[in-house]
Amino acid sequence: MDDIQTLRRILKDNHVIAMVGLSANWYRPSHFAAKYMLDHGYRVIPVNPSYQEVLGQKCYPALRDIPGKVDIVDCFRNSEEIMPLAEGAIAIGAKVLWMQIGVVNEAAAEKARRAGLEVVMDRCVKIEYARLFGGLNWAGVNTGVISAKRR
């Protein structure tokens, strides 16, 4: 999904993110993305059986173990591992299945779409948030987003 308006709406309307594969190691991309999203008002729920807690948030071994609602299931896993995560996202009533940069699984995406979820593939929530709501443009990155137009 490359549609700026849709990505902006997804990130504006959904504030509870279950991050599958979130690492407690500060140098991992998942850790950096989770910290950024926490700092920008999102609730991040770590999903990783290796930890009790990440970034001060209680960690759950699997999606189905999370009590309460989840809006976005953000997958920091290999493409081959996405189908069970899509099924888990469907089972817990998530609204969005999000696959990180480099992660593409068309079969899992189609299954999620058929169940009513929106699907984002090969994108990073942190990068998209910074691109669409400000941050990357200050560093001189061409975000492709035009924020002012002439009449």
N, C-alpha and C. Protein backbone atom coordinates (compact mmCIF):
# COMPACT_ATOMS: atom_id res chain seq x y z
N MET A 1 0.84 -1.17 0.00
CA MET A 1 0.00 0.00 0.00
C MET A 1 0.89 1.24 0.00
N ASP A 2 0.77 2.05 -1.03
CA ASP A 2 1.59 3.26 -1.14
C ASP A 2 0.78 4.54 -1.04
N ASP A 3 -0.50 4.42 -0.84
CA ASP A 3 -1.40 5.56 -0.81
C ASP A 3 -1.18 6.38 0.46
N ILE A 4 -0.71 7.60 0.29
CA ILE A 4 -0.38 8.47 1.43
C ILE A 4 -1.58 8.70 2.34
N GLN A 5 -2.75 8.96 1.76
CA GLN A 5 -3.93 9.23 2.58
C GLN A 5 -4.31 8.01 3.42
N THR A 6 -4.21 6.82 2.85
CA THR A 6 -4.55 5.61 3.60
C THR A 6 -3.55 5.36 4.72
N LEU A 7 -2.27 5.48 4.43
CA LEU A 7 -1.24 5.29 5.46
C LEU A 7 -1.42 6.31 6.59
N ARG A 8 -1.68 7.55 6.22
CA ARG A 8 -1.89 8.60 7.22
C ARG A 8 -3.11 8.27 8.09
N ARG A 9 -4.20 7.84 7.47
CA ARG A 9 -5.41 7.49 8.23
C ARG A 9 -5.14 6.32 9.17
N ILE A 10 -4.46 5.29 8.67
CA ILE A 10 -4.15 4.13 9.51
C ILE A 10 -3.37 4.56 10.75
N LEU A 11 -2.34 5.37 10.56
CA LEU A 11 -1.51 5.78 11.69
C LEU A 11 -2.21 6.80 12.59
N LYS A 12 -3.14 7.56 12.04
CA LYS A 12 -3.88 8.54 12.83
C LYS A 12 -4.98 7.89 13.67
N ASP A 13 -5.61 6.86 13.13
CA ASP A 13 -6.77 6.26 13.78
C ASP A 13 -6.46 5.04 14.66
N ASN A 14 -5.28 4.50 14.57
CA ASN A 14 -4.94 3.26 15.29
C ASN A 14 -3.74 3.50 16.20
N HIS A 15 -3.96 3.37 17.50
CA HIS A 15 -2.91 3.75 18.45
C HIS A 15 -2.39 2.62 19.34
N VAL A 16 -2.88 1.40 19.13
CA VAL A 16 -2.38 0.26 19.90
C VAL A 16 -1.70 -0.69 18.94
N ILE A 17 -0.38 -0.82 19.09
CA ILE A 17 0.43 -1.61 18.17
C ILE A 17 1.04 -2.80 18.90
N ALA A 18 0.71 -4.01 18.44
CA ALA A 18 1.38 -5.21 18.94
C ALA A 18 2.58 -5.44 18.01
N MET A 19 3.79 -5.34 18.55
CA MET A 19 5.00 -5.53 17.75
C MET A 19 5.53 -6.94 17.96
N VAL A 20 5.32 -7.76 16.94
CA VAL A 20 5.75 -9.16 16.99
C VAL A 20 7.22 -9.24 16.60
N GLY A 21 8.02 -9.80 17.50
CA GLY A 21 9.45 -9.90 17.25
C GLY A 21 10.23 -8.73 17.81
N LEU A 22 9.59 -7.92 18.65
CA LEU A 22 10.26 -6.77 19.26
C LEU A 22 11.41 -7.26 20.13
N SER A 23 12.58 -6.66 19.91
CA SER A 23 13.79 -7.05 20.63
C SER A 23 14.07 -6.09 21.77
N ALA A 24 14.65 -6.61 22.85
CA ALA A 24 15.07 -5.77 23.97
C ALA A 24 16.44 -5.15 23.71
N ASN A 25 17.10 -5.56 22.64
CA ASN A 25 18.41 -5.01 22.30
C ASN A 25 18.25 -3.65 21.63
N TRP A 26 18.83 -2.61 22.22
CA TRP A 26 18.63 -1.24 21.77
C TRP A 26 19.05 -1.01 20.33
N TYR A 27 19.96 -1.80 19.82
CA TYR A 27 20.50 -1.59 18.47
C TYR A 27 19.68 -2.27 17.37
N ARG A 28 18.65 -3.00 17.73
CA ARG A 28 17.80 -3.67 16.74
C ARG A 28 16.76 -2.69 16.18
N PRO A 29 16.45 -2.77 14.89
CA PRO A 29 15.45 -1.87 14.31
C PRO A 29 14.09 -1.92 15.02
N SER A 30 13.67 -3.09 15.47
CA SER A 30 12.37 -3.19 16.15
C SER A 30 12.37 -2.36 17.43
N HIS A 31 13.46 -2.38 18.16
CA HIS A 31 13.57 -1.64 19.42
C HIS A 31 13.49 -0.13 19.15
N PHE A 32 14.23 0.30 18.13
CA PHE A 32 14.24 1.72 17.77
C PHE A 32 12.85 2.18 17.33
N ALA A 33 12.17 1.38 16.51
CA ALA A 33 10.82 1.72 16.04
C ALA A 33 9.83 1.77 17.20
N ALA A 34 9.92 0.81 18.11
CA ALA A 34 9.00 0.77 19.25
C ALA A 34 9.21 1.99 20.15
N LYS A 35 10.46 2.33 20.43
CA LYS A 35 10.74 3.49 21.27
C LYS A 35 10.19 4.76 20.63
N TYR A 36 10.39 4.90 19.34
CA TYR A 36 9.89 6.07 18.62
C TYR A 36 8.37 6.16 18.71
N MET A 37 7.68 5.05 18.48
CA MET A 37 6.22 5.07 18.51
C MET A 37 5.70 5.33 19.93
N LEU A 38 6.36 4.77 20.93
CA LEU A 38 6.00 5.07 22.33
C LEU A 38 6.15 6.57 22.60
N ASP A 39 7.26 7.14 22.14
CA ASP A 39 7.53 8.56 22.35
C ASP A 39 6.53 9.46 21.62
N HIS A 40 5.82 8.90 20.65
CA HIS A 40 4.86 9.69 19.88
C HIS A 40 3.40 9.32 20.21
N GLY A 41 3.20 8.79 21.41
CA GLY A 41 1.85 8.62 21.93
C GLY A 41 1.16 7.30 21.64
N TYR A 42 1.86 6.36 21.04
CA TYR A 42 1.26 5.06 20.75
C TYR A 42 1.45 4.12 21.93
N ARG A 43 0.56 3.18 22.08
CA ARG A 43 0.75 2.10 23.04
C ARG A 43 1.38 0.96 22.26
N VAL A 44 2.53 0.51 22.70
CA VAL A 44 3.24 -0.58 22.03
C VAL A 44 3.21 -1.79 22.95
N ILE A 45 2.74 -2.90 22.41
CA ILE A 45 2.68 -4.15 23.16
C ILE A 45 3.71 -5.10 22.55
N PRO A 46 4.79 -5.40 23.28
CA PRO A 46 5.79 -6.33 22.76
C PRO A 46 5.24 -7.77 22.71
N VAL A 47 5.53 -8.46 21.62
CA VAL A 47 5.17 -9.87 21.48
C VAL A 47 6.44 -10.62 21.13
N ASN A 48 6.98 -11.31 22.14
CA ASN A 48 8.22 -12.07 21.97
C ASN A 48 8.36 -13.00 23.17
N PRO A 49 8.38 -14.31 22.95
CA PRO A 49 8.47 -15.24 24.07
C PRO A 49 9.80 -15.19 24.82
N SER A 50 10.78 -14.46 24.31
CA SER A 50 12.09 -14.40 24.94
C SER A 50 12.19 -13.41 26.10
N TYR A 51 11.19 -12.54 26.24
CA TYR A 51 11.29 -11.48 27.25
C TYR A 51 10.04 -11.40 28.11
N GLN A 52 10.23 -10.86 29.33
CA GLN A 52 9.12 -10.54 30.22
C GLN A 52 8.63 -9.12 29.97
N GLU A 53 9.59 -8.25 29.56
CA GLU A 53 9.31 -6.83 29.40
C GLU A 53 10.30 -6.24 28.40
N VAL A 54 9.81 -5.28 27.60
CA VAL A 54 10.67 -4.53 26.69
C VAL A 54 10.24 -3.07 26.75
N LEU A 55 11.20 -2.17 26.93
CA LEU A 55 10.93 -0.73 27.02
C LEU A 55 9.89 -0.40 28.08
N GLY A 56 9.90 -1.14 29.17
CA GLY A 56 8.97 -0.90 30.26
C GLY A 56 7.55 -1.41 30.01
N GLN A 57 7.36 -2.12 28.90
CA GLN A 57 6.04 -2.65 28.55
C GLN A 57 6.02 -4.16 28.76
N LYS A 58 4.95 -4.67 29.34
CA LYS A 58 4.83 -6.12 29.54
C LYS A 58 4.85 -6.81 28.18
N CYS A 59 5.63 -7.87 28.11
CA CYS A 59 5.80 -8.62 26.86
C CYS A 59 4.95 -9.89 26.91
N TYR A 60 4.34 -10.23 25.78
CA TYR A 60 3.50 -11.42 25.68
C TYR A 60 4.14 -12.42 24.72
N PRO A 61 3.99 -13.73 25.01
CA PRO A 61 4.61 -14.74 24.15
C PRO A 61 3.94 -14.86 22.78
N ALA A 62 2.64 -14.53 22.67
CA ALA A 62 1.92 -14.67 21.41
C ALA A 62 0.80 -13.64 21.34
N LEU A 63 0.34 -13.34 20.13
CA LEU A 63 -0.75 -12.38 19.94
C LEU A 63 -1.99 -12.74 20.76
N ARG A 64 -2.34 -14.02 20.77
CA ARG A 64 -3.56 -14.46 21.46
C ARG A 64 -3.49 -14.32 22.98
N ASP A 65 -2.30 -14.06 23.50
CA ASP A 65 -2.13 -13.86 24.95
C ASP A 65 -2.37 -12.43 25.40
N ILE A 66 -2.51 -11.52 24.45
CA ILE A 66 -2.69 -10.10 24.78
C ILE A 66 -4.12 -9.85 25.25
N PRO A 67 -4.27 -9.31 26.47
CA PRO A 67 -5.62 -8.93 26.91
C PRO A 67 -5.96 -7.56 26.32
N GLY A 68 -7.18 -7.37 25.93
CA GLY A 68 -7.58 -6.07 25.40
C GLY A 68 -7.39 -5.96 23.90
N LYS A 69 -7.73 -4.79 23.38
CA LYS A 69 -7.74 -4.60 21.93
C LYS A 69 -6.35 -4.27 21.37
N VAL A 70 -6.17 -4.66 20.13
CA VAL A 70 -4.98 -4.34 19.37
C VAL A 70 -5.45 -3.78 18.04
N ASP A 71 -4.91 -2.64 17.64
CA ASP A 71 -5.28 -2.05 16.36
C ASP A 71 -4.40 -2.55 15.22
N ILE A 72 -3.09 -2.49 15.44
CA ILE A 72 -2.12 -2.85 14.40
C ILE A 72 -1.24 -4.00 14.91
N VAL A 73 -1.10 -5.03 14.09
CA VAL A 73 -0.12 -6.09 14.36
C VAL A 73 1.05 -5.81 13.44
N ASP A 74 2.16 -5.37 14.02
CA ASP A 74 3.36 -4.97 13.29
C ASP A 74 4.36 -6.12 13.36
N CYS A 75 4.69 -6.69 12.21
CA CYS A 75 5.47 -7.93 12.15
C CYS A 75 6.95 -7.69 11.82
N PHE A 76 7.80 -7.91 12.80
CA PHE A 76 9.25 -7.92 12.62
C PHE A 76 9.71 -9.37 12.54
N ARG A 77 9.18 -10.11 11.59
CA ARG A 77 9.51 -11.52 11.38
C ARG A 77 9.77 -11.74 9.91
N ASN A 78 10.36 -12.87 9.56
CA ASN A 78 10.62 -13.20 8.16
C ASN A 78 9.31 -13.42 7.42
N SER A 79 9.35 -13.20 6.12
CA SER A 79 8.15 -13.34 5.28
C SER A 79 7.48 -14.70 5.44
N GLU A 80 8.28 -15.76 5.59
CA GLU A 80 7.75 -17.12 5.72
C GLU A 80 6.97 -17.32 7.01
N GLU A 81 7.18 -16.47 7.99
CA GLU A 81 6.54 -16.61 9.30
C GLU A 81 5.27 -15.78 9.45
N ILE A 82 4.83 -15.13 8.38
CA ILE A 82 3.72 -14.19 8.49
C ILE A 82 2.34 -14.84 8.53
N MET A 83 2.14 -15.95 7.84
CA MET A 83 0.80 -16.55 7.80
C MET A 83 0.22 -16.81 9.19
N PRO A 84 0.94 -17.46 10.11
CA PRO A 84 0.35 -17.64 11.44
C PRO A 84 0.11 -16.31 12.17
N LEU A 85 0.92 -15.30 11.86
CA LEU A 85 0.71 -13.99 12.48
C LEU A 85 -0.54 -13.32 11.91
N ALA A 86 -0.77 -13.50 10.62
CA ALA A 86 -2.01 -12.99 10.01
C ALA A 86 -3.21 -13.67 10.65
N GLU A 87 -3.13 -14.98 10.83
CA GLU A 87 -4.22 -15.72 11.47
C GLU A 87 -4.43 -15.24 12.91
N GLY A 88 -3.33 -14.96 13.61
CA GLY A 88 -3.43 -14.44 14.97
C GLY A 88 -4.05 -13.05 14.99
N ALA A 89 -3.67 -12.21 14.04
CA ALA A 89 -4.24 -10.86 13.95
C ALA A 89 -5.74 -10.92 13.71
N ILE A 90 -6.15 -11.83 12.85
CA ILE A 90 -7.58 -12.03 12.59
C ILE A 90 -8.28 -12.49 13.86
N ALA A 91 -7.68 -13.46 14.54
CA ALA A 91 -8.29 -14.05 15.75
C ALA A 91 -8.49 -13.03 16.87
N ILE A 92 -7.57 -12.08 17.01
CA ILE A 92 -7.69 -11.11 18.11
C ILE A 92 -8.47 -9.86 17.70
N GLY A 93 -8.92 -9.80 16.45
CA GLY A 93 -9.73 -8.67 16.01
C GLY A 93 -8.94 -7.41 15.69
N ALA A 94 -7.69 -7.57 15.28
CA ALA A 94 -6.90 -6.41 14.89
C ALA A 94 -7.49 -5.78 13.63
N LYS A 95 -7.17 -4.52 13.41
CA LYS A 95 -7.68 -3.81 12.24
C LYS A 95 -6.68 -3.80 11.08
N VAL A 96 -5.38 -3.90 11.42
CA VAL A 96 -4.33 -3.76 10.41
C VAL A 96 -3.25 -4.82 10.62
N LEU A 97 -2.85 -5.46 9.53
CA LEU A 97 -1.66 -6.32 9.52
C LEU A 97 -0.57 -5.53 8.82
N TRP A 98 0.51 -5.24 9.54
CA TRP A 98 1.60 -4.41 9.01
C TRP A 98 2.87 -5.24 8.97
N MET A 99 3.47 -5.35 7.80
CA MET A 99 4.72 -6.07 7.64
C MET A 99 5.85 -5.07 7.40
N GLN A 100 6.91 -5.24 8.15
CA GLN A 100 8.02 -4.30 8.11
C GLN A 100 8.79 -4.34 6.79
N ILE A 101 9.72 -3.43 6.64
CA ILE A 101 10.54 -3.34 5.43
C ILE A 101 11.18 -4.69 5.14
N GLY A 102 11.04 -5.12 3.89
CA GLY A 102 11.61 -6.40 3.46
C GLY A 102 10.70 -7.59 3.71
N VAL A 103 9.57 -7.37 4.35
CA VAL A 103 8.66 -8.46 4.67
C VAL A 103 7.44 -8.39 3.74
N VAL A 104 7.29 -9.42 2.91
CA VAL A 104 6.18 -9.49 1.96
C VAL A 104 5.65 -10.92 1.95
N ASN A 105 4.36 -11.08 2.18
CA ASN A 105 3.72 -12.39 2.09
C ASN A 105 2.32 -12.17 1.52
N GLU A 106 2.19 -12.36 0.21
CA GLU A 106 0.93 -12.09 -0.48
C GLU A 106 -0.22 -12.98 0.00
N ALA A 107 0.08 -14.25 0.27
CA ALA A 107 -0.98 -15.17 0.72
C ALA A 107 -1.53 -14.74 2.08
N ALA A 108 -0.66 -14.37 3.00
CA ALA A 108 -1.09 -13.91 4.32
C ALA A 108 -1.85 -12.58 4.19
N ALA A 109 -1.38 -11.71 3.30
CA ALA A 109 -2.05 -10.43 3.08
C ALA A 109 -3.46 -10.65 2.56
N GLU A 110 -3.61 -11.56 1.61
CA GLU A 110 -4.93 -11.84 1.04
C GLU A 110 -5.87 -12.43 2.09
N LYS A 111 -5.34 -13.32 2.91
CA LYS A 111 -6.16 -13.91 3.98
C LYS A 111 -6.63 -12.83 4.95
N ALA A 112 -5.72 -11.92 5.31
CA ALA A 112 -6.07 -10.83 6.23
C ALA A 112 -7.11 -9.91 5.60
N ARG A 113 -6.92 -9.57 4.33
CA ARG A 113 -7.88 -8.70 3.64
C ARG A 113 -9.27 -9.33 3.59
N ARG A 114 -9.32 -10.63 3.27
CA ARG A 114 -10.61 -11.32 3.22
C ARG A 114 -11.31 -11.29 4.57
N ALA A 115 -10.54 -11.23 5.65
CA ALA A 115 -11.11 -11.17 6.99
C ALA A 115 -11.44 -9.73 7.42
N GLY A 116 -11.17 -8.75 6.53
CA GLY A 116 -11.53 -7.38 6.83
C GLY A 116 -10.41 -6.50 7.36
N LEU A 117 -9.19 -7.02 7.42
CA LEU A 117 -8.08 -6.21 7.90
C LEU A 117 -7.48 -5.41 6.74
N GLU A 118 -6.94 -4.26 7.06
CA GLU A 118 -6.13 -3.54 6.09
C GLU A 118 -4.73 -4.13 6.18
N VAL A 119 -3.99 -4.08 5.07
CA VAL A 119 -2.66 -4.68 5.04
C VAL A 119 -1.65 -3.68 4.49
N VAL A 120 -0.53 -3.57 5.19
CA VAL A 120 0.59 -2.76 4.74
C VAL A 120 1.80 -3.69 4.69
N MET A 121 2.49 -3.71 3.56
CA MET A 121 3.67 -4.59 3.43
C MET A 121 4.90 -3.76 3.05
N ASP A 122 6.05 -4.25 3.51
CA ASP A 122 7.35 -3.70 3.12
C ASP A 122 7.47 -2.22 3.51
N ARG A 123 6.96 -1.88 4.68
CA ARG A 123 7.02 -0.50 5.19
C ARG A 123 7.30 -0.53 6.69
N CYS A 124 7.91 0.54 7.19
CA CYS A 124 8.22 0.66 8.61
C CYS A 124 7.27 1.69 9.25
N VAL A 125 6.64 1.33 10.37
CA VAL A 125 5.71 2.26 11.02
C VAL A 125 6.42 3.54 11.45
N LYS A 126 7.64 3.41 11.95
CA LYS A 126 8.38 4.59 12.41
C LYS A 126 8.70 5.52 11.25
N ILE A 127 9.20 4.96 10.16
CA ILE A 127 9.55 5.77 8.99
C ILE A 127 8.30 6.42 8.40
N GLU A 128 7.21 5.65 8.29
CA GLU A 128 5.97 6.20 7.73
C GLU A 128 5.41 7.29 8.63
N TYR A 129 5.46 7.11 9.94
CA TYR A 129 4.97 8.14 10.85
C TYR A 129 5.79 9.42 10.67
N ALA A 130 7.11 9.28 10.66
CA ALA A 130 7.98 10.46 10.50
C ALA A 130 7.77 11.12 9.14
N ARG A 131 7.58 10.33 8.12
CA ARG A 131 7.38 10.85 6.76
C ARG A 131 6.05 11.60 6.65
N LEU A 132 5.00 11.05 7.24
CA LEU A 132 3.67 11.59 7.05
C LEU A 132 3.26 12.65 8.07
N PHE A 133 3.88 12.62 9.25
CA PHE A 133 3.49 13.56 10.31
C PHE A 133 4.62 14.50 10.71
N GLY A 134 5.69 14.52 9.94
CA GLY A 134 6.79 15.44 10.22
C GLY A 134 7.94 14.75 10.90
N GLY A 135 9.12 15.15 10.55
CA GLY A 135 10.32 14.57 11.16
C GLY A 135 11.37 14.29 10.11
N LEU A 136 11.04 13.50 9.11
CA LEU A 136 12.02 13.19 8.07
C LEU A 136 12.35 14.39 7.21
N ASN A 137 11.35 15.23 6.93
CA ASN A 137 11.61 16.38 6.08
C ASN A 137 12.60 17.36 6.72
N TRP A 138 12.64 17.41 8.06
CA TRP A 138 13.58 18.30 8.73
C TRP A 138 15.02 17.84 8.54
N ALA A 139 15.21 16.58 8.26
CA ALA A 139 16.55 16.04 8.03
C ALA A 139 16.96 16.15 6.56
N GLY A 140 16.10 16.76 5.75
CA GLY A 140 16.43 16.94 4.34
C GLY A 140 16.02 15.79 3.45
N VAL A 141 15.21 14.87 3.97
CA VAL A 141 14.77 13.72 3.20
C VAL A 141 13.55 14.12 2.37
N ASN A 142 13.56 13.79 1.08
CA ASN A 142 12.39 14.04 0.25
C ASN A 142 11.35 12.99 0.59
N THR A 143 10.31 13.39 1.30
CA THR A 143 9.29 12.46 1.79
C THR A 143 8.23 12.15 0.75
N GLY A 144 8.19 12.92 -0.34
CA GLY A 144 7.16 12.72 -1.34
C GLY A 144 5.81 13.26 -0.91
N VAL A 145 5.76 13.94 0.23
CA VAL A 145 4.52 14.47 0.75
C VAL A 145 4.52 15.97 0.53
N ILE A 146 3.50 16.47 -0.16
CA ILE A 146 3.35 17.90 -0.37
C ILE A 146 2.39 18.42 0.68
N SER A 147 2.89 19.30 1.56
CA SER A 147 2.05 19.75 2.66
C SER A 147 1.40 21.10 2.39
N ALA A 148 1.83 21.82 1.35
CA ALA A 148 1.22 23.08 1.01
C ALA A 148 1.04 23.14 -0.51
N LYS A 149 -0.13 23.58 -0.92
CA LYS A 149 -0.42 23.67 -2.35
C LYS A 149 -0.96 25.07 -2.65
N ARG A 150 -0.66 25.57 -3.82
CA ARG A 150 -1.21 26.84 -4.26
C ARG A 150 -2.65 26.65 -4.64
N ARG A 151 -3.42 27.70 -4.52
CA ARG A 151 -4.83 27.63 -4.92
C ARG A 151 -4.96 27.53 -6.42
